[in-house]
């Protein structure tokens, strides 16, 4: 007696049509991998950022016809349009956007690989002395120090926190190798080189229970009447903030707590009716936790530029400082 075995409702065997589609996909995938180049990736990433062929060509230091050629090749490789054109502007199609996303990841990984090899080849050893303002230290230094210690584990990092006015004489005297600070009015400094690391404006914040916390529209005059937590009186940041109040036709606040200690300032904001200025990136993090509220006041890009300074005569003499500067730039690009 034979018992018939019931067939399953779904069979995992490929039909002829399935196998045909699979072969087509394999051929297309193999074609895509073999034909795609770094030039293609740089062009699609550039299009996502700049939107114009002319700007992409300028950023990549190539001609506009060369960019157009790369776009045509990409569309042939992808088997679908990657851009649409409206007047002089280019817009990525959904396929183009996804390809640009992958391109940024791949190019970022290649940049990190190049950085790692360069860092390992530098053979840096010895200490590096870094001066930094309090509003930048938690945003940038953890990533930079992590990169630095991975490449130069025997090099020590010494961090000195302060404000630009107090740290700059230490840089001039050679007591620190690098100075990282927010700049109000960027200017050239004799004997000192500098580079911008990133842009991160400051915003006005208060505690979650502050009387102005739920006000949708407010004026600077309303804010001036509150207690304020501000940097020290002789700092660049304090002068910039006082200039902002003056720009709105207001005298600076008189009820002041002078402090640059971020952890203390957060607690003061939570327990008092004071207002303060915080870096936008940090403010968003603490606002998401419910520790602070960002008030609807336009700071007009106040103190947005974060720069690194070093003595011109010591740029090539201290390999740990040179490596750490590269780590700062790399960390800033990954924010």
C-alpha atoms as a PDB file:
ATOM      1  CA  UNK A   1       0.000   0.000   0.000  1.00  0.00           C
ATOM      2  CA  UNK A   2       1.403   3.252  -1.063  1.00  0.00           C
ATOM      3  CA  UNK A   3       0.745   6.440   0.861  1.00  0.00           C
ATOM      4  CA  UNK A   4       0.778   9.595  -1.208  1.00  0.00           C
ATOM      5  CA  UNK A   5       2.888  12.336   0.344  1.00  0.00           C
ATOM      6  CA  UNK A   6       1.142  15.684   0.282  1.00  0.00           C
ATOM      7  CA  UNK A   7       2.936  18.338  -1.711  1.00  0.00           C
ATOM      8  CA  UNK A   8       3.739  21.574   0.126  1.00  0.00           C
ATOM      9  CA  UNK A   9       1.683  24.623  -0.759  1.00  0.00           C
ATOM     10  CA  UNK A  10       4.841  26.534  -1.822  1.00  0.00           C
ATOM     11  CA  UNK A  11       7.718  25.073  -3.764  1.00  0.00           C
ATOM     12  CA  UNK A  12      11.169  26.619  -3.593  1.00  0.00           C
ATOM     13  CA  UNK A  13      12.186  25.329  -7.024  1.00  0.00           C
ATOM     14  CA  UNK A  14      12.844  28.056  -9.577  1.00  0.00           C
ATOM     15  CA  UNK A  15      10.669  28.111 -12.648  1.00  0.00           C
ATOM     16  CA  UNK A  16      12.182  28.646 -16.084  1.00  0.00           C
ATOM     17  CA  UNK A  17      11.086  32.298 -15.972  1.00  0.00           C
ATOM     18  CA  UNK A  18      12.650  32.710 -12.501  1.00  0.00           C
ATOM     19  CA  UNK A  19      15.947  31.261 -13.649  1.00  0.00           C
ATOM     20  CA  UNK A  20      15.926  33.537 -16.681  1.00  0.00           C
ATOM     21  CA  UNK A  21      15.360  36.603 -14.508  1.00  0.00           C
ATOM     22  CA  UNK A  22      18.079  35.438 -12.121  1.00  0.00           C
ATOM     23  CA  UNK A  23      20.563  35.031 -14.989  1.00  0.00           C
ATOM     24  CA  UNK A  24      19.644  38.481 -16.258  1.00  0.00           C
ATOM     25  CA  UNK A  25      20.208  39.946 -12.795  1.00  0.00           C
ATOM     26  CA  UNK A  26      23.567  38.191 -12.452  1.00  0.00           C
ATOM     27  CA  UNK A  27      24.691  39.561 -15.803  1.00  0.00           C
ATOM     28  CA  UNK A  28      23.488  43.075 -14.931  1.00  0.00           C
ATOM     29  CA  UNK A  29      25.095  42.933 -11.474  1.00  0.00           C
ATOM     30  CA  UNK A  30      28.390  41.696 -12.920  1.00  0.00           C
ATOM     31  CA  UNK A  31      28.257  44.433 -15.563  1.00  0.00           C
ATOM     32  CA  UNK A  32      27.554  47.073 -12.889  1.00  0.00           C
ATOM     33  CA  UNK A  33      30.474  45.996 -10.687  1.00  0.00           C
ATOM     34  CA  UNK A  34      32.970  45.819 -13.548  1.00  0.00           C
ATOM     35  CA  UNK A  35      32.029  49.111 -15.187  1.00  0.00           C
ATOM     36  CA  UNK A  36      31.522  51.352 -12.119  1.00  0.00           C
ATOM     37  CA  UNK A  37      34.564  53.476 -11.216  1.00  0.00           C
ATOM     38  CA  UNK A  38      35.581  55.990  -8.572  1.00  0.00           C
ATOM     39  CA  UNK A  39      35.091  58.757 -11.146  1.00  0.00           C
ATOM     40  CA  UNK A  40      31.438  57.742 -11.436  1.00  0.00           C
ATOM     41  CA  UNK A  41      31.016  57.720  -7.663  1.00  0.00           C
ATOM     42  CA  UNK A  42      32.578  61.167  -7.282  1.00  0.00           C
ATOM     43  CA  UNK A  43      30.321  62.586  -9.989  1.00  0.00           C
ATOM     44  CA  UNK A  44      27.077  61.214  -8.525  1.00  0.00           C
ATOM     45  CA  UNK A  45      28.068  62.340  -5.025  1.00  0.00           C
ATOM     46  CA  UNK A  46      28.938  65.754  -6.456  1.00  0.00           C
ATOM     47  CA  UNK A  47      25.566  66.008  -8.212  1.00  0.00           C
ATOM     48  CA  UNK A  48      23.765  65.265  -4.956  1.00  0.00           C
ATOM     49  CA  UNK A  49      25.654  68.100  -3.264  1.00  0.00           C
ATOM     50  CA  UNK A  50      25.984  70.786  -5.954  1.00  0.00           C
ATOM     51  CA  UNK A  51      23.013  70.185  -8.322  1.00  0.00           C
ATOM     52  CA  UNK A  52      24.790  71.922 -11.230  1.00  0.00           C
ATOM     53  CA  UNK A  53      27.193  70.331 -13.734  1.00  0.00           C
ATOM     54  CA  UNK A  54      29.346  73.466 -13.664  1.00  0.00           C
ATOM     55  CA  UNK A  55      29.761  73.297  -9.893  1.00  0.00           C
ATOM     56  CA  UNK A  56      30.486  69.581  -9.960  1.00  0.00           C
ATOM     57  CA  UNK A  57      33.120  70.157 -12.633  1.00  0.00           C
ATOM     58  CA  UNK A  58      34.696  72.924 -10.555  1.00  0.00           C
ATOM     59  CA  UNK A  59      34.687  70.817  -7.373  1.00  0.00           C
ATOM     60  CA  UNK A  60      36.299  67.850  -9.170  1.00  0.00           C
ATOM     61  CA  UNK A  61      38.633  70.036 -11.264  1.00  0.00           C
ATOM     62  CA  UNK A  62      37.400  68.564 -14.553  1.00  0.00           C
ATOM     63  CA  UNK A  63      35.542  69.925 -17.581  1.00  0.00           C
ATOM     64  CA  UNK A  64      31.755  70.083 -17.843  1.00  0.00           C
ATOM     65  CA  UNK A  65      31.715  67.695 -20.858  1.00  0.00           C
ATOM     66  CA  UNK A  66      33.655  65.194 -18.738  1.00  0.00           C
ATOM     67  CA  UNK A  67      30.947  65.362 -16.050  1.00  0.00           C
ATOM     68  CA  UNK A  68      28.194  64.942 -18.642  1.00  0.00           C
ATOM     69  CA  UNK A  69      30.027  61.934 -20.059  1.00  0.00           C
ATOM     70  CA  UNK A  70      30.215  60.329 -16.606  1.00  0.00           C
ATOM     71  CA  UNK A  71      26.470  60.909 -16.118  1.00  0.00           C
ATOM     72  CA  UNK A  72      25.676  59.206 -19.440  1.00  0.00           C
ATOM     73  CA  UNK A  73      27.930  56.274 -18.539  1.00  0.00           C
ATOM     74  CA  UNK A  74      26.285  55.956 -15.126  1.00  0.00           C
ATOM     75  CA  UNK A  75      22.824  55.823 -16.683  1.00  0.00           C
ATOM     76  CA  UNK A  76      24.001  53.149 -19.109  1.00  0.00           C
ATOM     77  CA  UNK A  77      25.556  51.115 -16.274  1.00  0.00           C
ATOM     78  CA  UNK A  78      22.492  51.496 -14.031  1.00  0.00           C
ATOM     79  CA  UNK A  79      20.128  50.790 -16.919  1.00  0.00           C
ATOM     80  CA  UNK A  80      17.888  53.675 -15.835  1.00  0.00           C
ATOM     81  CA  UNK A  81      17.894  57.498 -15.673  1.00  0.00           C
ATOM     82  CA  UNK A  82      19.721  58.888 -12.641  1.00  0.00           C
ATOM     83  CA  UNK A  83      18.963  62.574 -13.235  1.00  0.00           C
ATOM     84  CA  UNK A  84      16.164  64.765 -14.516  1.00  0.00           C
ATOM     85  CA  UNK A  85      16.800  68.222 -15.913  1.00  0.00           C
ATOM     86  CA  UNK A  86      14.875  71.416 -15.227  1.00  0.00           C
ATOM     87  CA  UNK A  87      16.387  74.466 -16.899  1.00  0.00           C
ATOM     88  CA  UNK A  88      20.005  74.565 -15.730  1.00  0.00           C
ATOM     89  CA  UNK A  89      19.535  72.402 -12.661  1.00  0.00           C
ATOM     90  CA  UNK A  90      19.806  68.651 -12.268  1.00  0.00           C
ATOM     91  CA  UNK A  91      17.682  66.611  -9.892  1.00  0.00           C
ATOM     92  CA  UNK A  92      18.438  63.031  -8.960  1.00  0.00           C
ATOM     93  CA  UNK A  93      15.843  60.374  -9.654  1.00  0.00           C
ATOM     94  CA  UNK A  94      15.083  57.892  -6.837  1.00  0.00           C
ATOM     95  CA  UNK A  95      17.666  55.538  -8.382  1.00  0.00           C
ATOM     96  CA  UNK A  96      20.147  58.417  -8.580  1.00  0.00           C
ATOM     97  CA  UNK A  97      19.540  59.353  -4.932  1.00  0.00           C
ATOM     98  CA  UNK A  98      20.123  55.783  -3.775  1.00  0.00           C
ATOM     99  CA  UNK A  99      23.282  55.540  -5.887  1.00  0.00           C
ATOM    100  CA  UNK A 100      24.526  58.860  -4.446  1.00  0.00           C
ATOM    101  CA  UNK A 101      23.932  57.566  -0.927  1.00  0.00           C
ATOM    102  CA  UNK A 102      26.068  54.489  -1.610  1.00  0.00           C
ATOM    103  CA  UNK A 103      28.693  56.650  -3.336  1.00  0.00           C
ATOM    104  CA  UNK A 104      29.079  58.849  -0.252  1.00  0.00           C
ATOM    105  CA  UNK A 105      29.561  55.777   1.933  1.00  0.00           C
ATOM    106  CA  UNK A 106      32.171  54.245  -0.380  1.00  0.00           C
ATOM    107  CA  UNK A 107      34.064  57.523  -0.856  1.00  0.00           C
ATOM    108  CA  UNK A 108      33.997  58.175   2.873  1.00  0.00           C
ATOM    109  CA  UNK A 109      35.470  54.739   3.554  1.00  0.00           C
ATOM    110  CA  UNK A 110      38.214  55.336   0.973  1.00  0.00           C
ATOM    111  CA  UNK A 111      39.031  58.690   2.588  1.00  0.00           C
ATOM    112  CA  UNK A 112      39.279  57.001   5.986  1.00  0.00           C
ATOM    113  CA  UNK A 113      41.535  54.304   4.560  1.00  0.00           C
ATOM    114  CA  UNK A 114      43.822  56.922   3.008  1.00  0.00           C
ATOM    115  CA  UNK A 115      43.892  58.794   6.306  1.00  0.00           C
ATOM    116  CA  UNK A 116      44.764  55.645   8.281  1.00  0.00           C
ATOM    117  CA  UNK A 117      47.630  54.739   5.956  1.00  0.00           C
ATOM    118  CA  UNK A 118      48.990  58.282   6.045  1.00  0.00           C
ATOM    119  CA  UNK A 119      48.720  58.354   9.834  1.00  0.00           C
ATOM    120  CA  UNK A 120      50.500  55.012  10.224  1.00  0.00           C
ATOM    121  CA  UNK A 121      53.271  56.120   7.877  1.00  0.00           C
ATOM    122  CA  UNK A 122      53.869  59.316   9.870  1.00  0.00           C
ATOM    123  CA  UNK A 123      55.362  57.368  12.775  1.00  0.00           C
ATOM    124  CA  UNK A 124      54.214  60.082  15.188  1.00  0.00           C
ATOM    125  CA  UNK A 125      55.377  59.797  18.783  1.00  0.00           C
ATOM    126  CA  UNK A 126      55.578  62.184  21.691  1.00  0.00           C
ATOM    127  CA  UNK A 127      53.010  64.475  23.325  1.00  0.00           C
ATOM    128  CA  UNK A 128      50.673  66.964  21.701  1.00  0.00           C
ATOM    129  CA  UNK A 129      49.356  69.926  23.690  1.00  0.00           C
ATOM    130  CA  UNK A 130      45.884  71.105  22.670  1.00  0.00           C
ATOM    131  CA  UNK A 131      44.050  74.212  23.869  1.00  0.00           C
ATOM    132  CA  UNK A 132      40.289  74.273  23.298  1.00  0.00           C
ATOM    133  CA  UNK A 133      37.250  76.346  24.231  1.00  0.00           C
ATOM    134  CA  UNK A 134      34.607  74.611  26.328  1.00  0.00           C
ATOM    135  CA  UNK A 135      31.830  74.872  23.734  1.00  0.00           C
ATOM    136  CA  UNK A 136      33.856  72.882  21.187  1.00  0.00           C
ATOM    137  CA  UNK A 137      35.589  70.240  23.317  1.00  0.00           C
ATOM    138  CA  UNK A 138      32.696  67.732  23.686  1.00  0.00           C
ATOM    139  CA  UNK A 139      31.628  68.125  20.056  1.00  0.00           C
ATOM    140  CA  UNK A 140      34.944  67.524  18.306  1.00  0.00           C
ATOM    141  CA  UNK A 141      37.631  66.146  20.589  1.00  0.00           C
ATOM    142  CA  UNK A 142      36.257  62.645  21.379  1.00  0.00           C
ATOM    143  CA  UNK A 143      36.285  61.674  17.698  1.00  0.00           C
ATOM    144  CA  UNK A 144      39.631  63.350  16.998  1.00  0.00           C
ATOM    145  CA  UNK A 145      41.347  61.777  20.011  1.00  0.00           C
ATOM    146  CA  UNK A 146      39.963  58.347  19.094  1.00  0.00           C
ATOM    147  CA  UNK A 147      41.440  58.647  15.586  1.00  0.00           C
ATOM    148  CA  UNK A 148      44.739  59.934  16.956  1.00  0.00           C
ATOM    149  CA  UNK A 149      45.207  57.193  19.568  1.00  0.00           C
ATOM    150  CA  UNK A 150      44.401  54.507  17.019  1.00  0.00           C
ATOM    151  CA  UNK A 151      47.197  55.775  14.786  1.00  0.00           C
ATOM    152  CA  UNK A 152      49.693  56.881  17.457  1.00  0.00           C
ATOM    153  CA  UNK A 153      48.954  54.921  20.663  1.00  0.00           C
ATOM    154  CA  UNK A 154      52.239  55.953  22.293  1.00  0.00           C
ATOM    155  CA  UNK A 155      51.616  59.659  21.852  1.00  0.00           C
ATOM    156  CA  UNK A 156      50.030  61.463  24.784  1.00  0.00           C
ATOM    157  CA  UNK A 157      47.326  64.098  24.385  1.00  0.00           C
ATOM    158  CA  UNK A 158      47.201  66.946  26.916  1.00  0.00           C
ATOM    159  CA  UNK A 159      44.035  69.078  26.818  1.00  0.00           C
ATOM    160  CA  UNK A 160      43.880  72.605  28.274  1.00  0.00           C
ATOM    161  CA  UNK A 161      40.434  74.209  28.378  1.00  0.00           C
ATOM    162  CA  UNK A 162      39.906  77.963  28.371  1.00  0.00           C
ATOM    163  CA  UNK A 163      38.858  80.769  26.059  1.00  0.00           C
ATOM    164  CA  UNK A 164      40.657  82.221  23.067  1.00  0.00           C
ATOM    165  CA  UNK A 165      42.082  85.264  24.855  1.00  0.00           C
ATOM    166  CA  UNK A 166      43.676  83.141  27.591  1.00  0.00           C
ATOM    167  CA  UNK A 167      44.856  80.326  25.289  1.00  0.00           C
ATOM    168  CA  UNK A 168      46.329  82.363  22.438  1.00  0.00           C
ATOM    169  CA  UNK A 169      49.366  83.587  24.436  1.00  0.00           C
ATOM    170  CA  UNK A 170      50.121  79.932  25.267  1.00  0.00           C
ATOM    171  CA  UNK A 171      50.112  79.136  21.542  1.00  0.00           C
ATOM    172  CA  UNK A 172      52.436  82.049  20.801  1.00  0.00           C
ATOM    173  CA  UNK A 173      54.811  80.935  23.571  1.00  0.00           C
ATOM    174  CA  UNK A 174      54.860  77.347  22.298  1.00  0.00           C
ATOM    175  CA  UNK A 175      53.213  75.980  25.453  1.00  0.00           C
ATOM    176  CA  UNK A 176      50.404  74.471  23.388  1.00  0.00           C
ATOM    177  CA  UNK A 177      50.702  73.089  19.845  1.00  0.00           C
ATOM    178  CA  UNK A 178      47.138  73.652  18.641  1.00  0.00           C
ATOM    179  CA  UNK A 179      44.319  76.005  19.587  1.00  0.00           C
ATOM    180  CA  UNK A 180      40.696  75.188  18.731  1.00  0.00           C
ATOM    181  CA  UNK A 181      38.189  77.989  19.196  1.00  0.00           C
ATOM    182  CA  UNK A 182      35.030  79.649  17.951  1.00  0.00           C
ATOM    183  CA  UNK A 183      35.731  82.819  16.047  1.00  0.00           C
ATOM    184  CA  UNK A 184      33.614  85.947  15.969  1.00  0.00           C
ATOM    185  CA  UNK A 185      35.422  87.952  13.285  1.00  0.00           C
ATOM    186  CA  UNK A 186      37.982  85.743  11.474  1.00  0.00           C
ATOM    187  CA  UNK A 187      41.232  87.555  10.751  1.00  0.00           C
ATOM    188  CA  UNK A 188      44.791  86.742   9.798  1.00  0.00           C
ATOM    189  CA  UNK A 189      47.222  86.473  12.707  1.00  0.00           C
ATOM    190  CA  UNK A 190      50.914  87.105  12.238  1.00  0.00           C
ATOM    191  CA  UNK A 191      53.030  83.969  12.629  1.00  0.00           C
ATOM    192  CA  UNK A 192      49.955  81.755  13.000  1.00  0.00           C
ATOM    193  CA  UNK A 193      48.271  79.492  10.433  1.00  0.00           C
ATOM    194  CA  UNK A 194      44.632  78.500  10.706  1.00  0.00           C
ATOM    195  CA  UNK A 195      41.941  76.408   9.088  1.00  0.00           C
ATOM    196  CA  UNK A 196      38.181  76.226   9.527  1.00  0.00           C
ATOM    197  CA  UNK A 197      37.050  72.861  10.897  1.00  0.00           C
ATOM    198  CA  UNK A 198      33.262  73.147  10.797  1.00  0.00           C
ATOM    199  CA  UNK A 199      30.328  75.500  11.233  1.00  0.00           C
ATOM    200  CA  UNK A 200      27.991  75.198  14.227  1.00  0.00           C
ATOM    201  CA  UNK A 201      26.171  78.365  15.344  1.00  0.00           C
ATOM    202  CA  UNK A 202      25.069  78.977  18.901  1.00  0.00           C
ATOM    203  CA  UNK A 203      21.413  79.130  19.937  1.00  0.00           C
ATOM    204  CA  UNK A 204      19.568  80.517  22.950  1.00  0.00           C
ATOM    205  CA  UNK A 205      18.457  77.903  25.472  1.00  0.00           C
ATOM    206  CA  UNK A 206      16.585  77.746  28.754  1.00  0.00           C
ATOM    207  CA  UNK A 207      15.419  75.102  31.177  1.00  0.00           C
ATOM    208  CA  UNK A 208      12.274  73.078  30.378  1.00  0.00           C
ATOM    209  CA  UNK A 209      10.320  74.962  33.080  1.00  0.00           C
ATOM    210  CA  UNK A 210      11.460  78.434  31.978  1.00  0.00           C
ATOM    211  CA  UNK A 211       8.598  80.978  31.649  1.00  0.00           C
ATOM    212  CA  UNK A 212       9.545  81.559  27.998  1.00  0.00           C
ATOM    213  CA  UNK A 213       9.882  77.844  27.163  1.00  0.00           C
ATOM    214  CA  UNK A 214       6.535  77.598  25.355  1.00  0.00           C
ATOM    215  CA  UNK A 215       6.503  81.029  23.712  1.00  0.00           C
ATOM    216  CA  UNK A 216       6.274  80.602  19.935  1.00  0.00           C
ATOM    217  CA  UNK A 217       7.259  84.168  19.065  1.00  0.00           C
ATOM    218  CA  UNK A 218       9.470  86.315  21.224  1.00  0.00           C
ATOM    219  CA  UNK A 219      11.761  89.303  21.006  1.00  0.00           C
ATOM    220  CA  UNK A 220      15.291  89.897  22.195  1.00  0.00           C
ATOM    221  CA  UNK A 221      13.913  92.554  24.536  1.00  0.00           C
ATOM    222  CA  UNK A 222      11.927  89.879  26.375  1.00  0.00           C
ATOM    223  CA  UNK A 223      15.020  87.718  26.684  1.00  0.00           C
ATOM    224  CA  UNK A 224      17.246  90.554  27.913  1.00  0.00           C
ATOM    225  CA  UNK A 225      15.172  90.962  31.068  1.00  0.00           C
ATOM    226  CA  UNK A 226      16.013  87.391  32.152  1.00  0.00           C
ATOM    227  CA  UNK A 227      19.102  86.278  34.084  1.00  0.00           C
ATOM    228  CA  UNK A 228      21.825  85.092  31.689  1.00  0.00           C
ATOM    229  CA  UNK A 229      24.683  82.624  31.813  1.00  0.00           C
ATOM    230  CA  UNK A 230      27.478  84.120  29.720  1.00  0.00           C
ATOM    231  CA  UNK A 231      31.206  83.499  29.168  1.00  0.00           C
ATOM    232  CA  UNK A 232      33.833  85.476  31.070  1.00  0.00           C
ATOM    233  CA  UNK A 233      33.879  89.230  30.462  1.00  0.00           C
ATOM    234  CA  UNK A 234      37.242  89.316  28.646  1.00  0.00           C
ATOM    235  CA  UNK A 235      36.471  86.462  26.230  1.00  0.00           C
ATOM    236  CA  UNK A 236      35.862  86.735  22.481  1.00  0.00           C
ATOM    237  CA  UNK A 237      32.517  84.952  22.914  1.00  0.00           C
ATOM    238  CA  UNK A 238      31.317  87.452  25.520  1.00  0.00           C
ATOM    239  CA  UNK A 239      32.210  90.406  23.308  1.00  0.00           C
ATOM    240  CA  UNK A 240      30.401  88.794  20.363  1.00  0.00           C
ATOM    241  CA  UNK A 241      27.278  88.195  22.448  1.00  0.00           C
ATOM    242  CA  UNK A 242      27.251  91.757  23.775  1.00  0.00           C
ATOM    243  CA  UNK A 243      27.638  93.008  20.202  1.00  0.00           C
ATOM    244  CA  UNK A 244      24.570  90.972  19.223  1.00  0.00           C
ATOM    245  CA  UNK A 245      22.451  92.627  21.909  1.00  0.00           C
ATOM    246  CA  UNK A 246      23.743  96.023  20.783  1.00  0.00           C
ATOM    247  CA  UNK A 247      22.812  95.142  17.199  1.00  0.00           C
ATOM    248  CA  UNK A 248      19.219  94.766  18.370  1.00  0.00           C
ATOM    249  CA  UNK A 249      19.374  98.162  20.060  1.00  0.00           C
ATOM    250  CA  UNK A 250      19.614  96.657  23.549  1.00  0.00           C
ATOM    251  CA  UNK A 251      22.017  97.019  26.435  1.00  0.00           C
ATOM    252  CA  UNK A 252      23.682  93.751  27.484  1.00  0.00           C
ATOM    253  CA  UNK A 253      21.982  91.825  30.322  1.00  0.00           C
ATOM    254  CA  UNK A 254      22.978  92.921  33.820  1.00  0.00           C
ATOM    255  CA  UNK A 255      21.825  89.847  35.770  1.00  0.00           C
ATOM    256  CA  UNK A 256      24.706  87.548  34.809  1.00  0.00           C
ATOM    257  CA  UNK A 257      26.379  84.328  35.871  1.00  0.00           C
ATOM    258  CA  UNK A 258      29.812  84.145  34.191  1.00  0.00           C
ATOM    259  CA  UNK A 259      30.544  80.482  33.475  1.00  0.00           C
ATOM    260  CA  UNK A 260      31.860  78.377  30.583  1.00  0.00           C
ATOM    261  CA  UNK A 261      31.451  75.020  32.372  1.00  0.00           C
ATOM    262  CA  UNK A 262      28.896  73.197  30.227  1.00  0.00           C
ATOM    263  CA  UNK A 263      27.838  70.579  32.800  1.00  0.00           C
ATOM    264  CA  UNK A 264      27.345  73.268  35.454  1.00  0.00           C
ATOM    265  CA  UNK A 265      25.495  75.525  33.012  1.00  0.00           C
ATOM    266  CA  UNK A 266      23.025  72.758  32.139  1.00  0.00           C
ATOM    267  CA  UNK A 267      22.158  72.294  35.813  1.00  0.00           C
ATOM    268  CA  UNK A 268      21.865  76.059  36.322  1.00  0.00           C
ATOM    269  CA  UNK A 269      19.490  76.306  33.365  1.00  0.00           C
ATOM    270  CA  UNK A 270      17.375  73.461  34.746  1.00  0.00           C
ATOM    271  CA  UNK A 271      17.136  74.952  38.248  1.00  0.00           C
ATOM    272  CA  UNK A 272      16.925  78.694  37.548  1.00  0.00           C
ATOM    273  CA  UNK A 273      15.152  81.048  35.153  1.00  0.00           C
ATOM    274  CA  UNK A 274      18.421  81.888  33.410  1.00  0.00           C
ATOM    275  CA  UNK A 275      19.005  81.778  29.660  1.00  0.00           C
ATOM    276  CA  UNK A 276      22.244  80.938  27.912  1.00  0.00           C
ATOM    277  CA  UNK A 277      23.949  80.335  24.594  1.00  0.00           C
ATOM    278  CA  UNK A 278      24.704  76.744  23.557  1.00  0.00           C
ATOM    279  CA  UNK A 279      26.230  75.215  20.406  1.00  0.00           C
ATOM    280  CA  UNK A 280      23.326  74.187  18.190  1.00  0.00           C
ATOM    281  CA  UNK A 281      24.475  70.558  17.908  1.00  0.00           C
ATOM    282  CA  UNK A 282      24.744  70.135  21.690  1.00  0.00           C
ATOM    283  CA  UNK A 283      21.519  72.041  22.312  1.00  0.00           C
ATOM    284  CA  UNK A 284      19.566  69.676  20.053  1.00  0.00           C
ATOM    285  CA  UNK A 285      20.951  66.670  21.929  1.00  0.00           C
ATOM    286  CA  UNK A 286      19.990  68.031  25.353  1.00  0.00           C
ATOM    287  CA  UNK A 287      16.625  69.276  24.072  1.00  0.00           C
ATOM    288  CA  UNK A 288      15.817  65.757  22.839  1.00  0.00           C
ATOM    289  CA  UNK A 289      16.515  64.480  26.371  1.00  0.00           C
ATOM    290  CA  UNK A 290      14.188  67.083  27.865  1.00  0.00           C
ATOM    291  CA  UNK A 291      16.999  68.897  29.700  1.00  0.00           C
ATOM    292  CA  UNK A 292      16.833  72.144  27.694  1.00  0.00           C
ATOM    293  CA  UNK A 293      14.511  74.106  25.444  1.00  0.00           C
ATOM    294  CA  UNK A 294      15.749  75.991  22.364  1.00  0.00           C
ATOM    295  CA  UNK A 295      14.119  79.421  22.190  1.00  0.00           C
ATOM    296  CA  UNK A 296      12.926  80.938  18.874  1.00  0.00           C
ATOM    297  CA  UNK A 297      15.520  83.714  18.662  1.00  0.00           C
ATOM    298  CA  UNK A 298      17.668  84.232  15.563  1.00  0.00           C
ATOM    299  CA  UNK A 299      21.346  84.394  16.543  1.00  0.00           C
ATOM    300  CA  UNK A 300      22.354  85.221  12.954  1.00  0.00           C
ATOM    301  CA  UNK A 301      25.181  82.673  12.787  1.00  0.00           C
ATOM    302  CA  UNK A 302      26.798  83.953  15.993  1.00  0.00           C
ATOM    303  CA  UNK A 303      30.207  82.353  16.647  1.00  0.00           C
ATOM    304  CA  UNK A 304      29.457  79.663  14.067  1.00  0.00           C
ATOM    305  CA  UNK A 305      33.012  79.136  12.760  1.00  0.00           C
ATOM    306  CA  UNK A 306      35.191  76.658  14.644  1.00  0.00           C
ATOM    307  CA  UNK A 307      38.859  77.012  13.667  1.00  0.00           C
ATOM    308  CA  UNK A 308      42.184  75.394  14.469  1.00  0.00           C
ATOM    309  CA  UNK A 309      45.291  77.564  14.950  1.00  0.00           C
ATOM    310  CA  UNK A 310      48.972  76.604  15.062  1.00  0.00           C
ATOM    311  CA  UNK A 311      52.287  78.439  14.868  1.00  0.00           C
ATOM    312  CA  UNK A 312      53.626  78.783  11.336  1.00  0.00           C
ATOM    313  CA  UNK A 313      57.222  78.076  12.383  1.00  0.00           C
ATOM    314  CA  UNK A 314      56.307  74.761  14.026  1.00  0.00           C
ATOM    315  CA  UNK A 315      54.009  73.302  11.396  1.00  0.00           C
ATOM    316  CA  UNK A 316      56.444  70.623  10.179  1.00  0.00           C
ATOM    317  CA  UNK A 317      58.554  70.198  13.311  1.00  0.00           C
ATOM    318  CA  UNK A 318      56.031  68.407  15.512  1.00  0.00           C
ATOM    319  CA  UNK A 319      54.691  65.286  13.832  1.00  0.00           C
ATOM    320  CA  UNK A 320      52.182  64.453  16.642  1.00  0.00           C
ATOM    321  CA  UNK A 321      50.664  67.937  16.338  1.00  0.00           C
ATOM    322  CA  UNK A 322      50.519  67.613  12.549  1.00  0.00           C
ATOM    323  CA  UNK A 323      48.819  64.222  12.852  1.00  0.00           C
ATOM    324  CA  UNK A 324      46.370  65.508  15.467  1.00  0.00           C
ATOM    325  CA  UNK A 325      45.449  68.399  13.167  1.00  0.00           C
ATOM    326  CA  UNK A 326      44.612  65.862  10.441  1.00  0.00           C
ATOM    327  CA  UNK A 327      42.530  63.928  12.978  1.00  0.00           C
ATOM    328  CA  UNK A 328      40.606  67.110  13.808  1.00  0.00           C
ATOM    329  CA  UNK A 329      39.824  67.690  10.143  1.00  0.00           C
ATOM    330  CA  UNK A 330      38.778  64.059   9.678  1.00  0.00           C
ATOM    331  CA  UNK A 331      36.580  64.100  12.799  1.00  0.00           C
ATOM    332  CA  UNK A 332      34.992  67.380  11.707  1.00  0.00           C
ATOM    333  CA  UNK A 333      34.143  65.925   8.285  1.00  0.00           C
ATOM    334  CA  UNK A 334      32.369  62.980   9.944  1.00  0.00           C
ATOM    335  CA  UNK A 335      30.065  65.094  12.123  1.00  0.00           C
END
